[in-house]
C-alpha cells in the first residue's frame, strides 16, 4: 500500500516521500544526514519567522558575507536585495 510520509526536523528541509510497502514491512528508518540551510533562517533555528529579523538587521550592510545566513541572494553581501527575499518568507 502506498504511504505519503512527511519528514520535518528543526534545521532540516522538510521532505515528502511516497513509499510503497508490502504487508510484511514493520519498520522504516529514515536518516537525515545533512543539515540543509533554509533560505531566510538567519538565526539557524530551523524555521523562518520574526526571530530572524533581529540577526538579519545586525548583519545588514556587511560587505563580506560569503555563506552567512543573511546573504539570501548569495552575492557576498547583505543589502536591500536580501531584504526583498526575506520578507516573503516571514
PDB file of N, CA and C in Angstrom:
ATOM      1  N   UNK A   1       0.844  -1.181   0.000  1.00  0.00           N
ATOM      2  CA  UNK A   1       0.000   0.000   0.000  1.00  0.00           C
ATOM      3  C   UNK A   1       0.889   1.244   0.000  1.00  0.00           C
ATOM      4  N   UNK A   2       0.539   2.260  -0.743  1.00  0.00           N
ATOM      5  CA  UNK A   2       1.355   3.486  -0.748  1.00  0.00           C
ATOM      6  C   UNK A   2       1.093   4.329   0.499  1.00  0.00           C
ATOM      7  N   UNK A   3       2.160   4.927   1.017  1.00  0.00           N
ATOM      8  CA  UNK A   3       2.069   5.815   2.164  1.00  0.00           C
ATOM      9  C   UNK A   3       2.743   7.129   1.805  1.00  0.00           C
ATOM     10  N   UNK A   4       2.106   8.222   2.144  1.00  0.00           N
ATOM     11  CA  UNK A   4       2.701   9.535   1.975  1.00  0.00           C
ATOM     12  C   UNK A   4       3.327   9.914   3.309  1.00  0.00           C
ATOM     13  N   UNK A   5       4.634  10.125   3.324  1.00  0.00           N
ATOM     14  CA  UNK A   5       5.352  10.407   4.559  1.00  0.00           C
ATOM     15  C   UNK A   5       5.974  11.796   4.456  1.00  0.00           C
ATOM     16  N   UNK A   6       5.731  12.628   5.450  1.00  0.00           N
ATOM     17  CA  UNK A   6       6.348  13.952   5.515  1.00  0.00           C
ATOM     18  C   UNK A   6       7.295  13.958   6.699  1.00  0.00           C
ATOM     19  N   UNK A   7       8.542  14.298   6.429  1.00  0.00           N
ATOM     20  CA  UNK A   7       9.570  14.312   7.461  1.00  0.00           C
ATOM     21  C   UNK A   7       9.938  15.764   7.737  1.00  0.00           C
ATOM     22  N   UNK A   8       9.815  16.163   8.999  1.00  0.00           N
ATOM     23  CA  UNK A   8      10.171  17.516   9.391  1.00  0.00           C
ATOM     24  C   UNK A   8      11.050  17.446  10.630  1.00  0.00           C
ATOM     25  N   UNK A   9      12.136  18.215  10.631  1.00  0.00           N
ATOM     26  CA  UNK A   9      13.021  18.297  11.791  1.00  0.00           C
ATOM     27  C   UNK A   9      13.661  19.676  11.783  1.00  0.00           C
ATOM     28  N   UNK A  10      13.787  20.317  12.952  1.00  0.00           N
ATOM     29  CA  UNK A  10      14.400  21.645  13.001  1.00  0.00           C
ATOM     30  C   UNK A  10      15.787  21.637  12.365  1.00  0.00           C
ATOM     31  N   UNK A  11      16.035  22.622  11.532  1.00  0.00           N
ATOM     32  CA  UNK A  11      17.317  22.747  10.883  1.00  0.00           C
ATOM     33  C   UNK A  11      17.467  21.939   9.611  1.00  0.00           C
ATOM     34  N   UNK A  12      16.444  21.210   9.246  1.00  0.00           N
ATOM     35  CA  UNK A  12      16.473  20.404   8.031  1.00  0.00           C
ATOM     36  C   UNK A  12      15.326  20.836   7.130  1.00  0.00           C
ATOM     37  N   UNK A  13      15.517  20.713   5.869  1.00  0.00           N
ATOM     38  CA  UNK A  13      14.427  20.978   4.940  1.00  0.00           C
ATOM     39  C   UNK A  13      13.417  19.847   5.072  1.00  0.00           C
ATOM     40  N   UNK A  14      12.149  20.162   4.986  1.00  0.00           N
ATOM     41  CA  UNK A  14      11.122  19.120   5.020  1.00  0.00           C
ATOM     42  C   UNK A  14      11.189  18.301   3.744  1.00  0.00           C
ATOM     43  N   UNK A  15      10.954  17.030   3.891  1.00  0.00           N
ATOM     44  CA  UNK A  15      10.950  16.136   2.744  1.00  0.00           C
ATOM     45  C   UNK A  15       9.627  15.396   2.706  1.00  0.00           C
ATOM     46  N   UNK A  16       9.090  15.231   1.533  1.00  0.00           N
ATOM     47  CA  UNK A  16       7.878  14.447   1.368  1.00  0.00           C
ATOM     48  C   UNK A  16       8.224  13.248   0.498  1.00  0.00           C
ATOM     49  N   UNK A  17       7.888  12.061   0.980  1.00  0.00           N
ATOM     50  CA  UNK A  17       8.212  10.832   0.275  1.00  0.00           C
ATOM     51  C   UNK A  17       6.942  10.032   0.029  1.00  0.00           C
ATOM     52  N   UNK A  18       6.878   9.370  -1.086  1.00  0.00           N
ATOM     53  CA  UNK A  18       5.803   8.422  -1.344  1.00  0.00           C
ATOM     54  C   UNK A  18       6.444   7.050  -1.318  1.00  0.00           C
ATOM     55  N   UNK A  19       6.060   6.247  -0.334  1.00  0.00           N
ATOM     56  CA  UNK A  19       6.670   4.939  -0.144  1.00  0.00           C
ATOM     57  C   UNK A  19       5.635   3.855  -0.382  1.00  0.00           C
ATOM     58  N   UNK A  20       6.059   2.783  -1.007  1.00  0.00           N
ATOM     59  CA  UNK A  20       5.194   1.615  -1.219  1.00  0.00           C
ATOM     60  C   UNK A  20       5.738   0.455  -0.405  1.00  0.00           C
ATOM     61  N   UNK A  21       4.895  -0.133   0.435  1.00  0.00           N
ATOM     62  CA  UNK A  21       5.287  -1.255   1.281  1.00  0.00           C
ATOM     63  C   UNK A  21       4.374  -2.437   1.006  1.00  0.00           C
ATOM     64  N   UNK A  22       4.934  -3.615   1.222  1.00  0.00           N
ATOM     65  CA  UNK A  22       4.052  -4.772   1.253  1.00  0.00           C
ATOM     66  C   UNK A  22       3.666  -5.001   2.709  1.00  0.00           C
ATOM     67  N   UNK A  23       2.810  -5.932   2.988  1.00  0.00           N
ATOM     68  CA  UNK A  23       2.290  -6.106   4.343  1.00  0.00           C
ATOM     69  C   UNK A  23       3.324  -6.633   5.331  1.00  0.00           C
ATOM     70  N   UNK A  24       4.463  -7.130   4.856  1.00  0.00           N
ATOM     71  CA  UNK A  24       5.462  -7.676   5.774  1.00  0.00           C
ATOM     72  C   UNK A  24       6.384  -6.606   6.358  1.00  0.00           C
ATOM     73  N   UNK A  25       6.335  -5.382   5.869  1.00  0.00           N
ATOM     74  CA  UNK A  25       7.193  -4.325   6.395  1.00  0.00           C
ATOM     75  C   UNK A  25       6.658  -3.871   7.748  1.00  0.00           C
ATOM     76  N   UNK A  26       7.547  -3.892   8.755  1.00  0.00           N
ATOM     77  CA  UNK A  26       7.134  -3.496  10.097  1.00  0.00           C
ATOM     78  C   UNK A  26       7.746  -2.172  10.530  1.00  0.00           C
ATOM     79  N   UNK A  27       8.914  -1.843  10.001  1.00  0.00           N
ATOM     80  CA  UNK A  27       9.592  -0.606  10.393  1.00  0.00           C
ATOM     81  C   UNK A  27      10.230   0.052   9.183  1.00  0.00           C
ATOM     82  N   UNK A  28      10.331   1.373   9.245  1.00  0.00           N
ATOM     83  CA  UNK A  28      11.056   2.137   8.243  1.00  0.00           C
ATOM     84  C   UNK A  28      11.928   3.119   9.003  1.00  0.00           C
ATOM     85  N   UNK A  29      13.217   3.174   8.660  1.00  0.00           N
ATOM     86  CA  UNK A  29      14.133   4.110   9.288  1.00  0.00           C
ATOM     87  C   UNK A  29      14.560   5.132   8.247  1.00  0.00           C
ATOM     88  N   UNK A  30      14.507   6.397   8.623  1.00  0.00           N
ATOM     89  CA  UNK A  30      14.935   7.478   7.737  1.00  0.00           C
ATOM     90  C   UNK A  30      16.066   8.205   8.440  1.00  0.00           C
ATOM     91  N   UNK A  31      17.179   8.341   7.746  1.00  0.00           N
ATOM     92  CA  UNK A  31      18.329   9.031   8.324  1.00  0.00           C
ATOM     93  C   UNK A  31      18.474  10.397   7.649  1.00  0.00           C
ATOM     94  N   UNK A  32      18.436  11.446   8.454  1.00  0.00           N
ATOM     95  CA  UNK A  32      18.676  12.794   7.960  1.00  0.00           C
ATOM     96  C   UNK A  32      20.135  13.092   8.255  1.00  0.00           C
ATOM     97  N   UNK A  33      20.979  12.961   7.234  1.00  0.00           N
ATOM     98  CA  UNK A  33      22.405  13.058   7.480  1.00  0.00           C
ATOM     99  C   UNK A  33      23.050  14.358   7.043  1.00  0.00           C
ATOM    100  N   UNK A  34      22.289  15.257   6.473  1.00  0.00           N
ATOM    101  CA  UNK A  34      22.867  16.526   6.046  1.00  0.00           C
ATOM    102  C   UNK A  34      21.923  17.658   6.416  1.00  0.00           C
ATOM    103  N   UNK A  35      22.409  18.571   7.217  1.00  0.00           N
ATOM    104  CA  UNK A  35      21.595  19.720   7.572  1.00  0.00           C
ATOM    105  C   UNK A  35      21.514  20.637   6.356  1.00  0.00           C
ATOM    106  N   UNK A  36      20.321  21.073   6.053  1.00  0.00           N
ATOM    107  CA  UNK A  36      20.093  21.893   4.870  1.00  0.00           C
ATOM    108  C   UNK A  36      19.800  23.316   5.310  1.00  0.00           C
ATOM    109  N   UNK A  37      20.483  24.250   4.700  1.00  0.00           N
ATOM    110  CA  UNK A  37      20.231  25.654   5.011  1.00  0.00           C
ATOM    111  C   UNK A  37      18.867  26.040   4.462  1.00  0.00           C
ATOM    112  N   UNK A  38      18.056  26.648   5.286  1.00  0.00           N
ATOM    113  CA  UNK A  38      16.728  27.075   4.894  1.00  0.00           C
ATOM    114  C   UNK A  38      16.785  28.565   4.577  1.00  0.00           C
ATOM    115  N   UNK A  39      16.478  28.961   3.336  1.00  0.00           N
ATOM    116  CA  UNK A  39      16.553  30.380   2.970  1.00  0.00           C
ATOM    117  C   UNK A  39      15.705  31.248   3.907  1.00  0.00           C
ATOM    118  N   UNK A  40      16.318  32.260   4.482  1.00  0.00           N
ATOM    119  CA  UNK A  40      15.630  33.166   5.394  1.00  0.00           C
ATOM    120  C   UNK A  40      15.805  32.801   6.853  1.00  0.00           C
ATOM    121  N   UNK A  41      16.309  31.604   7.147  1.00  0.00           N
ATOM    122  CA  UNK A  41      16.536  31.190   8.529  1.00  0.00           C
ATOM    123  C   UNK A  41      17.872  31.750   9.001  1.00  0.00           C
ATOM    124  N   UNK A  42      17.893  33.046   9.287  1.00  0.00           N
ATOM    125  CA  UNK A  42      19.128  33.758   9.611  1.00  0.00           C
ATOM    126  C   UNK A  42      19.703  33.308  10.949  1.00  0.00           C
ATOM    127  N   UNK A  43      18.851  32.973  11.917  1.00  0.00           N
ATOM    128  CA  UNK A  43      19.359  32.573  13.236  1.00  0.00           C
ATOM    129  C   UNK A  43      19.617  31.072  13.344  1.00  0.00           C
ATOM    130  N   UNK A  44      19.322  30.300  12.295  1.00  0.00           N
ATOM    131  CA  UNK A  44      19.673  28.880  12.260  1.00  0.00           C
ATOM    132  C   UNK A  44      18.863  27.970  13.152  1.00  0.00           C
ATOM    133  N   UNK A  45      17.629  28.364  13.509  1.00  0.00           N
ATOM    134  CA  UNK A  45      16.822  27.505  14.379  1.00  0.00           C
ATOM    135  C   UNK A  45      15.894  26.558  13.625  1.00  0.00           C
ATOM    136  N   UNK A  46      15.995  26.550  12.302  1.00  0.00           N
ATOM    137  CA  UNK A  46      15.201  25.606  11.521  1.00  0.00           C
ATOM    138  C   UNK A  46      13.886  26.134  11.010  1.00  0.00           C
ATOM    139  N   UNK A  47      13.529  27.355  11.363  1.00  0.00           N
ATOM    140  CA  UNK A  47      12.295  27.966  10.879  1.00  0.00           C
ATOM    141  C   UNK A  47      12.565  29.405  10.459  1.00  0.00           C
ATOM    142  N   UNK A  48      11.771  29.897   9.534  1.00  0.00           N
ATOM    143  CA  UNK A  48      11.847  31.303   9.134  1.00  0.00           C
ATOM    144  C   UNK A  48      10.679  32.009   9.808  1.00  0.00           C
ATOM    145  N   UNK A  49      11.014  32.915  10.706  1.00  0.00           N
ATOM    146  CA  UNK A  49       9.974  33.634  11.438  1.00  0.00           C
ATOM    147  C   UNK A  49      10.521  34.985  11.886  1.00  0.00           C
ATOM    148  N   UNK A  50       9.752  35.679  12.707  1.00  0.00           N
ATOM    149  CA  UNK A  50      10.163  37.022  13.132  1.00  0.00           C
ATOM    150  C   UNK A  50      11.436  37.004  13.977  1.00  0.00           C
ATOM    151  N   UNK A  51      11.812  35.857  14.528  1.00  0.00           N
ATOM    152  CA  UNK A  51      13.064  35.767  15.284  1.00  0.00           C
ATOM    153  C   UNK A  51      14.288  35.923  14.384  1.00  0.00           C
ATOM    154  N   UNK A  52      14.100  35.855  13.073  1.00  0.00           N
ATOM    155  CA  UNK A  52      15.209  36.027  12.136  1.00  0.00           C
ATOM    156  C   UNK A  52      15.462  37.493  11.789  1.00  0.00           C
ATOM    157  N   UNK A  53      14.542  38.372  12.146  1.00  0.00           N
ATOM    158  CA  UNK A  53      14.668  39.781  11.770  1.00  0.00           C
ATOM    159  C   UNK A  53      15.828  40.470  12.491  1.00  0.00           C
ATOM    160  N   UNK A  54      15.946  40.294  13.811  1.00  0.00           N
ATOM    161  CA  UNK A  54      16.999  40.983  14.574  1.00  0.00           C
ATOM    162  C   UNK A  54      18.402  40.585  14.103  1.00  0.00           C
ATOM    163  N   UNK A  55      18.725  39.293  13.970  1.00  0.00           N
ATOM    164  CA  UNK A  55      20.067  38.970  13.494  1.00  0.00           C
ATOM    165  C   UNK A  55      20.307  39.429  12.050  1.00  0.00           C
ATOM    166  N   UNK A  56      19.245  39.475  11.257  1.00  0.00           N
ATOM    167  CA  UNK A  56      19.378  39.991   9.897  1.00  0.00           C
ATOM    168  C   UNK A  56      19.731  41.471   9.936  1.00  0.00           C
ATOM    169  N   UNK A  57      19.014  42.233  10.781  1.00  0.00           N
ATOM    170  CA  UNK A  57      19.246  43.676  10.876  1.00  0.00           C
ATOM    171  C   UNK A  57      20.666  43.973  11.366  1.00  0.00           C
ATOM    172  N   UNK A  58      21.177  43.181  12.303  1.00  0.00           N
ATOM    173  CA  UNK A  58      22.529  43.384  12.828  1.00  0.00           C
ATOM    174  C   UNK A  58      23.563  43.188  11.721  1.00  0.00           C
ATOM    175  N   UNK A  59      23.320  42.219  10.835  1.00  0.00           N
ATOM    176  CA  UNK A  59      24.292  41.939   9.772  1.00  0.00           C
ATOM    177  C   UNK A  59      24.093  42.797   8.530  1.00  0.00           C
ATOM    178  N   UNK A  60      23.044  43.600   8.508  1.00  0.00           N
ATOM    179  CA  UNK A  60      22.734  44.441   7.352  1.00  0.00           C
ATOM    180  C   UNK A  60      23.916  45.354   7.028  1.00  0.00           C
ATOM    181  N   UNK A  61      24.285  45.399   5.786  1.00  0.00           N
ATOM    182  CA  UNK A  61      25.377  46.248   5.334  1.00  0.00           C
ATOM    183  C   UNK A  61      26.720  45.539   5.280  1.00  0.00           C
ATOM    184  N   UNK A  62      26.779  44.301   5.759  1.00  0.00           N
ATOM    185  CA  UNK A  62      28.040  43.551   5.696  1.00  0.00           C
ATOM    186  C   UNK A  62      28.448  43.376   4.239  1.00  0.00           C
ATOM    187  N   UNK A  63      29.681  43.713   3.935  1.00  0.00           N
ATOM    188  CA  UNK A  63      30.167  43.635   2.559  1.00  0.00           C
ATOM    189  C   UNK A  63      30.898  42.331   2.257  1.00  0.00           C
ATOM    190  N   UNK A  64      31.324  41.634   3.288  1.00  0.00           N
ATOM    191  CA  UNK A  64      31.996  40.353   3.080  1.00  0.00           C
ATOM    192  C   UNK A  64      31.253  39.307   3.886  1.00  0.00           C
ATOM    193  N   UNK A  65      30.326  38.663   3.238  1.00  0.00           N
ATOM    194  CA  UNK A  65      29.428  37.769   3.954  1.00  0.00           C
ATOM    195  C   UNK A  65      29.240  36.465   3.190  1.00  0.00           C
ATOM    196  N   UNK A  66      30.284  35.878   2.718  1.00  0.00           N
ATOM    197  CA  UNK A  66      30.164  34.636   1.966  1.00  0.00           C
ATOM    198  C   UNK A  66      29.641  33.523   2.861  1.00  0.00           C
ATOM    199  N   UNK A  67      28.456  33.010   2.529  1.00  0.00           N
ATOM    200  CA  UNK A  67      27.882  31.887   3.257  1.00  0.00           C
ATOM    201  C   UNK A  67      27.188  32.225   4.560  1.00  0.00           C
ATOM    202  N   UNK A  68      27.076  33.497   4.924  1.00  0.00           N
ATOM    203  CA  UNK A  68      26.374  33.798   6.169  1.00  0.00           C
ATOM    204  C   UNK A  68      24.865  33.796   5.943  1.00  0.00           C
ATOM    205  N   UNK A  69      24.105  33.620   7.020  1.00  0.00           N
ATOM    206  CA  UNK A  69      22.666  33.422   6.914  1.00  0.00           C
ATOM    207  C   UNK A  69      21.886  34.564   6.304  1.00  0.00           C
ATOM    208  N   UNK A  70      22.367  35.783   6.405  1.00  0.00           N
ATOM    209  CA  UNK A  70      21.619  36.921   5.887  1.00  0.00           C
ATOM    210  C   UNK A  70      21.799  37.173   4.405  1.00  0.00           C
ATOM    211  N   UNK A  71      22.762  36.526   3.795  1.00  0.00           N
ATOM    212  CA  UNK A  71      23.030  36.729   2.367  1.00  0.00           C
ATOM    213  C   UNK A  71      22.122  35.816   1.553  1.00  0.00           C
ATOM    214  N   UNK A  72      20.864  36.199   1.436  1.00  0.00           N
ATOM    215  CA  UNK A  72      19.852  35.336   0.829  1.00  0.00           C
ATOM    216  C   UNK A  72      19.943  35.255  -0.685  1.00  0.00           C
ATOM    217  N   UNK A  73      20.631  36.219  -1.317  1.00  0.00           N
ATOM    218  CA  UNK A  73      20.779  36.140  -2.776  1.00  0.00           C
ATOM    219  C   UNK A  73      22.182  35.671  -3.176  1.00  0.00           C
ATOM    220  N   UNK A  74      22.963  35.270  -2.178  1.00  0.00           N
ATOM    221  CA  UNK A  74      24.296  34.686  -2.398  1.00  0.00           C
ATOM    222  C   UNK A  74      25.229  35.544  -3.252  1.00  0.00           C
ATOM    223  N   UNK A  75      25.187  36.859  -3.026  1.00  0.00           N
ATOM    224  CA  UNK A  75      26.096  37.730  -3.789  1.00  0.00           C
ATOM    225  C   UNK A  75      27.254  38.247  -2.934  1.00  0.00           C
ATOM    226  N   UNK A  76      27.379  37.749  -1.690  1.00  0.00           N
ATOM    227  CA  UNK A  76      28.519  38.104  -0.858  1.00  0.00           C
ATOM    228  C   UNK A  76      28.310  39.279   0.070  1.00  0.00           C
ATOM    229  N   UNK A  77      27.136  39.901   0.033  1.00  0.00           N
ATOM    230  CA  UNK A  77      26.856  40.992   0.966  1.00  0.00           C
ATOM    231  C   UNK A  77      25.401  40.914   1.415  1.00  0.00           C
ATOM    232  N   UNK A  78      25.067  41.750   2.393  1.00  0.00           N
ATOM    233  CA  UNK A  78      23.687  41.810   2.893  1.00  0.00           C
ATOM    234  C   UNK A  78      23.173  43.206   2.622  1.00  0.00           C
ATOM    235  N   UNK A  79      22.151  43.276   1.759  1.00  0.00           N
ATOM    236  CA  UNK A  79      21.637  44.576   1.327  1.00  0.00           C
ATOM    237  C   UNK A  79      20.140  44.475   1.034  1.00  0.00           C
ATOM    238  N   UNK A  80      19.623  45.477   0.355  1.00  0.00           N
ATOM    239  CA  UNK A  80      18.198  45.542   0.041  1.00  0.00           C
ATOM    240  C   UNK A  80      17.683  44.348  -0.737  1.00  0.00           C
ATOM    241  N   UNK A  81      18.517  43.781  -1.597  1.00  0.00           N
ATOM    242  CA  UNK A  81      18.097  42.606  -2.357  1.00  0.00           C
ATOM    243  C   UNK A  81      17.811  41.430  -1.430  1.00  0.00           C
ATOM    244  N   UNK A  82      18.556  41.344  -0.332  1.00  0.00           N
ATOM    245  CA  UNK A  82      18.324  40.277   0.634  1.00  0.00           C
ATOM    246  C   UNK A  82      17.053  40.526   1.449  1.00  0.00           C
ATOM    247  N   UNK A  83      16.773  41.797   1.741  1.00  0.00           N
ATOM    248  CA  UNK A  83      15.518  42.132   2.426  1.00  0.00           C
ATOM    249  C   UNK A  83      14.340  41.683   1.564  1.00  0.00           C
ATOM    250  N   UNK A  84      14.428  41.933   0.272  1.00  0.00           N
ATOM    251  CA  UNK A  84      13.338  41.565  -0.643  1.00  0.00           C
ATOM    252  C   UNK A  84      13.108  40.050  -0.642  1.00  0.00           C
ATOM    253  N   UNK A  85      14.148  39.274  -0.403  1.00  0.00           N
ATOM    254  CA  UNK A  85      13.995  37.820  -0.357  1.00  0.00           C
ATOM    255  C   UNK A  85      13.522  37.340   1.014  1.00  0.00           C
ATOM    256  N   UNK A  86      13.855  38.058   2.085  1.00  0.00           N
ATOM    257  CA  UNK A  86      13.455  37.658   3.439  1.00  0.00           C
ATOM    258  C   UNK A  86      11.969  37.903   3.695  1.00  0.00           C
ATOM    259  N   UNK A  87      11.466  39.049   3.304  1.00  0.00           N
ATOM    260  CA  UNK A  87      10.098  39.443   3.647  1.00  0.00           C
ATOM    261  C   UNK A  87       9.048  38.409   3.218  1.00  0.00           C
ATOM    262  N   UNK A  88       9.077  37.883   1.994  1.00  0.00           N
ATOM    263  CA  UNK A  88       8.051  36.890   1.625  1.00  0.00           C
ATOM    264  C   UNK A  88       8.143  35.589   2.427  1.00  0.00           C
ATOM    265  N   UNK A  89       9.287  35.310   3.012  1.00  0.00           N
ATOM    266  CA  UNK A  89       9.460  34.075   3.788  1.00  0.00           C
ATOM    267  C   UNK A  89       8.865  34.164   5.186  1.00  0.00           C
ATOM    268  N   UNK A  90       8.635  35.384   5.680  1.00  0.00           N
ATOM    269  CA  UNK A  90       8.115  35.577   7.042  1.00  0.00           C
ATOM    270  C   UNK A  90       6.650  35.241   7.140  1.00  0.00           C
TER     271      UNK A  90
END
